[in-house]
Amino acid sequence: MALMPNIVGKKPAKPAQRRKKFGDLDRTDKLLLRALQADGRIANVTLAEKVHLSPAACLERVRALTESGFIRGFHASLDPVAIEAGMLVFVQVVLDRTTPEVFKAFKAAVQVEAEILECHMVAGGFDYLIKARVRDMRAYREFVARAVWSLPGVRETHTYAVMEEVKETFELQVR
């Protein structure tokens, strides 16, 4: 069974010099993107049948979509509870100064914290929104003391512990 190209763990593809725009993708490219989002481990032969291409043409199109930067990689979705990371938290961060140096130092420090899944600079009443997973409240207290409060420039934080995950998806709408 030939699976999709092995690009797990690789850095996102650099945009090709003549990168296609999303509007330039045809119906088949969009079908491929939808199918791969739903099942990144789909066998190439099965995928080809699904989008009405030969296996060789299908594989070439997937490679082109990857090289063009539309496909950034493939990953496995793990059960957070099973790997002892069942507590999801969101942390609002307010910086003491909003200078390029503080932003740069903060961004660099966030990259090395394994519990931090996402970090977004936002507009509004705070500077960054962090999404993190830890084992439990005790682990969160250790994480926030060790990692969050020691991030460069942090003046204030507000944490929101998730009581129930109502919707979680990684699939983007492909029209």
Protein backbone atom coordinates (compact mmCIF):
# COMPACT_ATOMS: atom_id res chain seq x y z
CA MET A 1 0.00 0.00 0.00
CA ALA A 2 1.67 3.23 -1.16
CA LEU A 3 0.93 6.03 1.26
CA MET A 4 1.26 9.73 0.57
CA PRO A 5 4.79 11.18 0.39
CA ASN A 6 6.56 11.09 3.73
CA ILE A 7 6.77 14.71 4.81
CA VAL A 8 6.02 14.22 8.51
CA GLY A 9 8.18 16.44 10.64
CA LYS A 10 9.67 18.31 7.72
CA LYS A 11 9.68 22.08 7.68
CA PRO A 12 6.87 23.67 5.68
CA ALA A 13 7.62 23.83 2.00
CA LYS A 14 9.06 27.09 0.83
CA PRO A 15 6.74 28.72 -1.66
CA ALA A 16 7.83 27.97 -5.20
CA GLN A 17 8.86 30.95 -7.28
CA ARG A 18 5.74 30.55 -9.39
CA ARG A 19 3.40 29.54 -6.58
CA LYS A 20 -0.18 29.05 -7.63
CA LYS A 21 -2.84 31.18 -6.02
CA PHE A 22 -5.71 29.34 -4.40
CA GLY A 23 -8.04 30.68 -7.08
CA ASP A 24 -5.87 29.02 -9.74
CA LEU A 25 -6.38 25.54 -8.31
CA ASP A 26 -8.75 23.38 -10.31
CA ARG A 27 -11.54 21.17 -9.03
CA THR A 28 -9.25 18.11 -8.81
CA ASP A 29 -6.63 19.94 -6.74
CA LYS A 30 -9.35 21.05 -4.33
CA LEU A 31 -10.73 17.49 -4.13
CA LEU A 32 -7.22 16.27 -3.29
CA LEU A 33 -6.85 18.87 -0.54
CA ARG A 34 -10.21 17.94 1.00
CA ALA A 35 -9.48 14.21 0.86
CA LEU A 36 -6.00 14.56 2.37
CA GLN A 37 -7.29 16.75 5.20
CA ALA A 38 -9.84 14.08 6.06
CA ASP A 39 -7.29 11.23 5.88
CA GLY A 40 -3.61 12.06 5.49
CA ARG A 41 -2.74 8.34 5.43
CA ILE A 42 -4.97 7.49 2.50
CA ALA A 43 -3.24 5.19 0.03
CA ASN A 44 -2.30 6.92 -3.23
CA VAL A 45 -4.28 4.36 -5.27
CA THR A 46 -7.40 4.98 -3.17
CA LEU A 47 -6.92 8.74 -3.39
CA ALA A 48 -6.47 8.52 -7.16
CA GLU A 49 -9.71 6.58 -7.49
CA LYS A 50 -11.52 9.10 -5.31
CA VAL A 51 -10.49 12.06 -7.52
CA HIS A 52 -10.61 10.15 -10.84
CA LEU A 53 -6.89 10.26 -11.68
CA SER A 54 -4.27 7.66 -12.43
CA PRO A 55 -2.06 6.87 -9.42
CA ALA A 56 0.96 8.51 -11.12
CA ALA A 57 -0.96 11.70 -11.93
CA CYS A 58 -2.38 11.78 -8.40
CA LEU A 59 1.04 11.44 -6.80
CA GLU A 60 2.44 14.18 -9.05
CA ARG A 61 -0.39 16.54 -8.13
CA VAL A 62 0.11 15.90 -4.40
CA ARG A 63 3.84 16.59 -4.82
CA ALA A 64 3.07 19.82 -6.70
CA LEU A 65 0.60 20.93 -4.01
CA THR A 66 3.23 20.20 -1.37
CA GLU A 67 6.02 22.00 -3.24
CA SER A 68 3.72 24.98 -3.81
CA GLY A 69 3.09 25.24 -0.07
CA PHE A 70 -0.60 24.31 -0.04
CA ILE A 71 0.21 21.13 1.91
CA ARG A 72 2.52 21.89 4.83
CA GLY A 73 2.81 18.36 6.17
CA PHE A 74 1.00 15.32 7.54
CA HIS A 75 0.62 14.39 11.18
CA ALA A 76 -1.05 11.95 13.54
CA SER A 77 -3.77 13.24 15.86
CA LEU A 78 -3.05 11.92 19.36
CA ASP A 79 -5.47 11.49 22.25
CA PRO A 80 -4.35 14.08 24.84
CA VAL A 81 -5.75 12.11 27.77
CA ALA A 82 -3.96 8.94 26.67
CA ILE A 83 -0.61 10.74 26.61
CA GLU A 84 -1.25 12.55 29.91
CA ALA A 85 -1.89 16.00 28.43
CA GLY A 86 -5.63 16.12 29.10
CA MET A 87 -5.87 19.63 30.52
CA LEU A 88 -6.24 22.35 27.90
CA VAL A 89 -5.63 25.97 28.90
CA PHE A 90 -5.65 29.32 27.19
CA VAL A 91 -3.45 32.03 28.63
CA GLN A 92 -3.80 35.71 27.84
CA VAL A 93 -0.45 37.49 28.13
CA VAL A 94 0.10 41.20 28.60
CA LEU A 95 3.64 42.44 28.02
CA ASP A 96 5.22 45.21 30.04
CA ARG A 97 6.62 46.85 26.89
CA THR A 98 5.67 46.42 23.25
CA THR A 99 8.98 46.95 21.55
CA PRO A 100 10.50 44.95 18.70
CA GLU A 101 13.14 43.57 21.07
CA VAL A 102 10.56 42.30 23.58
CA PHE A 103 8.43 40.78 20.80
CA LYS A 104 11.47 39.01 19.36
CA ALA A 105 12.60 37.65 22.74
CA PHE A 106 9.06 36.53 23.63
CA LYS A 107 8.59 34.74 20.31
CA ALA A 108 11.91 32.93 20.67
CA ALA A 109 11.18 31.84 24.25
CA VAL A 110 7.73 30.48 23.34
CA GLN A 111 9.22 28.22 20.66
CA VAL A 112 11.10 26.05 23.15
CA GLU A 113 8.20 25.35 25.53
CA ALA A 114 6.81 21.92 24.61
CA GLU A 115 3.50 22.43 26.43
CA ILE A 116 2.69 25.47 24.30
CA LEU A 117 0.80 24.27 21.24
CA GLU A 118 -0.02 27.66 19.77
CA CYS A 119 0.83 31.27 20.46
CA HIS A 120 -0.85 34.15 18.65
CA MET A 121 -0.19 37.88 18.75
CA VAL A 122 -3.61 39.51 18.97
CA ALA A 123 -5.18 42.96 18.85
CA GLY A 124 -7.21 44.02 21.85
CA GLY A 125 -6.79 44.11 25.60
CA PHE A 126 -3.79 41.78 25.73
CA ASP A 127 -0.79 40.98 23.52
CA TYR A 128 -0.62 37.20 23.07
CA LEU A 129 -2.96 34.23 23.41
CA ILE A 130 -1.28 30.95 24.31
CA LYS A 131 -2.89 27.52 23.91
CA ALA A 132 -1.20 24.86 26.02
CA ARG A 133 -1.77 21.29 27.18
CA VAL A 134 -0.64 19.83 30.48
CA ARG A 135 -1.45 16.74 32.53
CA ASP A 136 -3.55 18.38 35.28
CA MET A 137 -3.84 21.49 37.48
CA ARG A 138 -0.68 20.64 39.41
CA ALA A 139 1.25 20.36 36.14
CA TYR A 140 -0.31 23.63 34.99
CA ARG A 141 0.88 25.43 38.13
CA GLU A 142 4.41 24.10 37.53
CA PHE A 143 4.23 25.06 33.84
CA VAL A 144 2.99 28.59 34.45
CA ALA A 145 5.63 29.24 37.12
CA ARG A 146 8.47 27.72 35.10
CA ALA A 147 7.53 28.75 31.57
CA VAL A 148 4.88 31.45 31.31
CA TRP A 149 5.88 33.89 34.03
CA SER A 150 9.50 33.60 33.00
CA LEU A 151 8.80 34.56 29.37
CA PRO A 152 10.49 37.83 28.41
CA GLY A 153 8.45 40.96 29.07
CA VAL A 154 5.44 39.29 30.75
CA ARG A 155 3.63 41.73 33.03
CA GLU A 156 0.30 39.96 33.52
CA THR A 157 -1.49 36.74 32.61
CA HIS A 158 -5.06 35.47 32.73
CA THR A 159 -5.68 31.75 32.39
CA TYR A 160 -8.79 29.97 31.20
CA ALA A 161 -8.98 26.23 31.88
CA VAL A 162 -11.14 24.41 29.34
CA MET A 163 -14.00 22.49 30.95
CA GLU A 164 -15.24 20.88 27.73
CA GLU A 165 -13.88 20.84 24.20
CA VAL A 166 -16.96 21.51 22.12
CA LYS A 167 -15.29 21.54 18.70
CA GLU A 168 -11.77 20.79 17.58
CA THR A 169 -10.75 20.46 13.96
CA PHE A 170 -7.65 20.94 11.90
CA GLU A 171 -9.49 20.87 8.60
CA LEU A 172 -9.69 24.13 6.68
CA GLN A 173 -12.63 24.77 4.43
CA VAL A 174 -11.63 24.23 0.80
CA ARG A 175 -14.18 25.81 -1.51
